[in-house]
């Protein structure tokens, strides 16, 4: 699964990365660790409210 970090985060590793499917999130400090899965529509709604 491919993940992408926001270009706004710069070179820092304290970010959340989003999978290309928009249904998984992971901590950029630990890319080999587990990811959080959720409904893509729910994640989009969450992001729009922040």
N, C-alpha and C. Protein backbone atom coordinates (compact mmCIF):
# COMPACT_ATOMS: atom_id res chain seq x y z
N UNK A 1 0.85 -1.16 0.00
CA UNK A 1 0.00 0.00 0.00
C UNK A 1 0.90 1.24 0.00
N UNK A 2 0.58 2.20 -0.83
CA UNK A 2 1.35 3.44 -0.90
C UNK A 2 0.73 4.49 0.02
N UNK A 3 1.59 5.20 0.73
CA UNK A 3 1.16 6.29 1.60
C UNK A 3 1.78 7.59 1.12
N UNK A 4 1.11 8.69 1.42
CA UNK A 4 1.60 10.01 1.02
C UNK A 4 1.51 10.95 2.21
N UNK A 5 2.57 11.72 2.38
CA UNK A 5 2.61 12.74 3.43
C UNK A 5 2.34 14.09 2.77
N UNK A 6 1.67 14.96 3.46
CA UNK A 6 1.36 16.28 2.92
C UNK A 6 2.64 17.04 2.57
N UNK A 7 2.63 17.72 1.45
CA UNK A 7 3.79 18.54 1.07
C UNK A 7 3.94 19.73 2.02
N UNK A 8 2.91 20.07 2.75
CA UNK A 8 2.97 21.17 3.71
C UNK A 8 3.74 20.79 4.96
N UNK A 9 3.98 19.51 5.18
CA UNK A 9 4.68 19.07 6.38
C UNK A 9 6.19 19.27 6.29
N UNK A 10 6.70 19.51 5.10
CA UNK A 10 8.14 19.73 4.93
C UNK A 10 8.94 18.48 5.26
N UNK A 11 10.16 18.67 5.75
CA UNK A 11 11.04 17.52 6.01
C UNK A 11 10.77 16.82 7.34
N UNK A 12 9.82 17.31 8.09
CA UNK A 12 9.55 16.77 9.42
C UNK A 12 8.88 15.40 9.34
N UNK A 13 9.06 14.62 10.41
CA UNK A 13 8.47 13.28 10.43
C UNK A 13 7.31 13.16 11.42
N UNK A 14 6.86 14.26 11.96
CA UNK A 14 5.76 14.20 12.93
C UNK A 14 4.44 14.49 12.23
N UNK A 15 4.12 13.64 11.28
CA UNK A 15 2.95 13.87 10.43
C UNK A 15 2.12 12.59 10.31
N UNK A 16 0.94 12.78 9.82
CA UNK A 16 0.07 11.66 9.48
C UNK A 16 0.16 11.46 7.98
N UNK A 17 0.30 10.22 7.57
CA UNK A 17 0.32 9.89 6.14
C UNK A 17 -0.99 9.21 5.78
N UNK A 18 -1.45 9.45 4.57
CA UNK A 18 -2.71 8.89 4.08
C UNK A 18 -2.41 7.92 2.95
N UNK A 19 -3.05 6.76 2.97
CA UNK A 19 -2.88 5.78 1.90
C UNK A 19 -3.55 6.28 0.63
N UNK A 20 -3.07 5.81 -0.50
CA UNK A 20 -3.64 6.22 -1.78
C UNK A 20 -5.11 5.83 -1.91
N UNK A 21 -5.56 4.88 -1.12
CA UNK A 21 -6.96 4.47 -1.14
C UNK A 21 -7.85 5.36 -0.28
N UNK A 22 -7.22 6.27 0.47
CA UNK A 22 -7.91 7.18 1.41
C UNK A 22 -8.60 6.44 2.54
N UNK A 23 -8.26 5.19 2.77
CA UNK A 23 -8.93 4.44 3.83
C UNK A 23 -7.98 4.01 4.95
N UNK A 24 -6.71 4.42 4.88
CA UNK A 24 -5.74 4.08 5.92
C UNK A 24 -4.89 5.30 6.26
N UNK A 25 -4.58 5.43 7.56
CA UNK A 25 -3.70 6.47 8.06
C UNK A 25 -2.58 5.81 8.83
N UNK A 26 -1.40 6.45 8.84
CA UNK A 26 -0.32 5.96 9.68
C UNK A 26 0.54 7.13 10.14
N UNK A 27 1.33 6.88 11.15
CA UNK A 27 2.24 7.87 11.71
C UNK A 27 3.52 7.86 10.90
N UNK A 28 3.94 9.02 10.40
CA UNK A 28 5.14 9.07 9.57
C UNK A 28 6.41 8.77 10.36
N UNK A 29 6.37 8.85 11.69
CA UNK A 29 7.53 8.50 12.51
C UNK A 29 7.78 7.00 12.52
N UNK A 30 6.75 6.22 12.21
CA UNK A 30 6.86 4.77 12.26
C UNK A 30 6.17 4.15 11.05
N UNK A 31 6.75 4.32 9.85
CA UNK A 31 6.09 3.81 8.65
C UNK A 31 5.96 2.29 8.61
N UNK A 32 6.78 1.58 9.36
CA UNK A 32 6.68 0.12 9.38
C UNK A 32 5.64 -0.36 10.39
N UNK A 33 5.11 0.57 11.17
CA UNK A 33 4.12 0.21 12.19
C UNK A 33 2.74 0.00 11.60
N UNK A 34 1.81 -0.15 12.48
CA UNK A 34 0.43 -0.40 12.04
C UNK A 34 -0.21 0.88 11.50
N UNK A 35 -1.30 0.68 10.79
CA UNK A 35 -2.06 1.82 10.27
C UNK A 35 -3.49 1.73 10.79
N UNK A 36 -4.15 2.85 10.78
CA UNK A 36 -5.54 2.94 11.20
C UNK A 36 -6.39 2.90 9.95
N UNK A 37 -7.37 2.02 9.93
CA UNK A 37 -8.25 1.96 8.77
C UNK A 37 -9.62 2.51 9.15
N UNK A 38 -10.22 3.17 8.19
CA UNK A 38 -11.55 3.75 8.39
C UNK A 38 -12.20 3.93 7.04
N UNK A 39 -13.47 4.17 7.06
CA UNK A 39 -14.21 4.45 5.84
C UNK A 39 -13.66 5.73 5.20
N UNK A 40 -13.35 5.70 3.92
CA UNK A 40 -12.76 6.85 3.23
C UNK A 40 -13.65 8.08 3.35
N UNK A 41 -14.94 7.93 3.20
CA UNK A 41 -15.85 9.07 3.31
C UNK A 41 -15.80 9.69 4.71
N UNK A 42 -15.69 8.86 5.73
CA UNK A 42 -15.61 9.36 7.10
C UNK A 42 -14.31 10.12 7.32
N UNK A 43 -13.21 9.62 6.77
CA UNK A 43 -11.93 10.33 6.91
C UNK A 43 -11.96 11.67 6.19
N UNK A 44 -12.59 11.73 5.04
CA UNK A 44 -12.70 12.99 4.30
C UNK A 44 -13.54 13.99 5.10
N UNK A 45 -14.66 13.54 5.66
CA UNK A 45 -15.49 14.43 6.48
C UNK A 45 -14.70 14.94 7.68
N UNK A 46 -13.94 14.05 8.32
CA UNK A 46 -13.13 14.44 9.47
C UNK A 46 -12.11 15.50 9.06
N UNK A 47 -11.41 15.29 7.96
CA UNK A 47 -10.39 16.24 7.51
C UNK A 47 -10.98 17.60 7.19
N UNK A 48 -12.16 17.62 6.64
CA UNK A 48 -12.79 18.89 6.27
C UNK A 48 -13.23 19.70 7.49
N UNK A 49 -13.41 19.05 8.62
CA UNK A 49 -13.83 19.77 9.83
C UNK A 49 -12.66 20.26 10.65
N UNK A 50 -11.45 19.96 10.25
CA UNK A 50 -10.27 20.36 11.02
C UNK A 50 -9.60 21.55 10.45
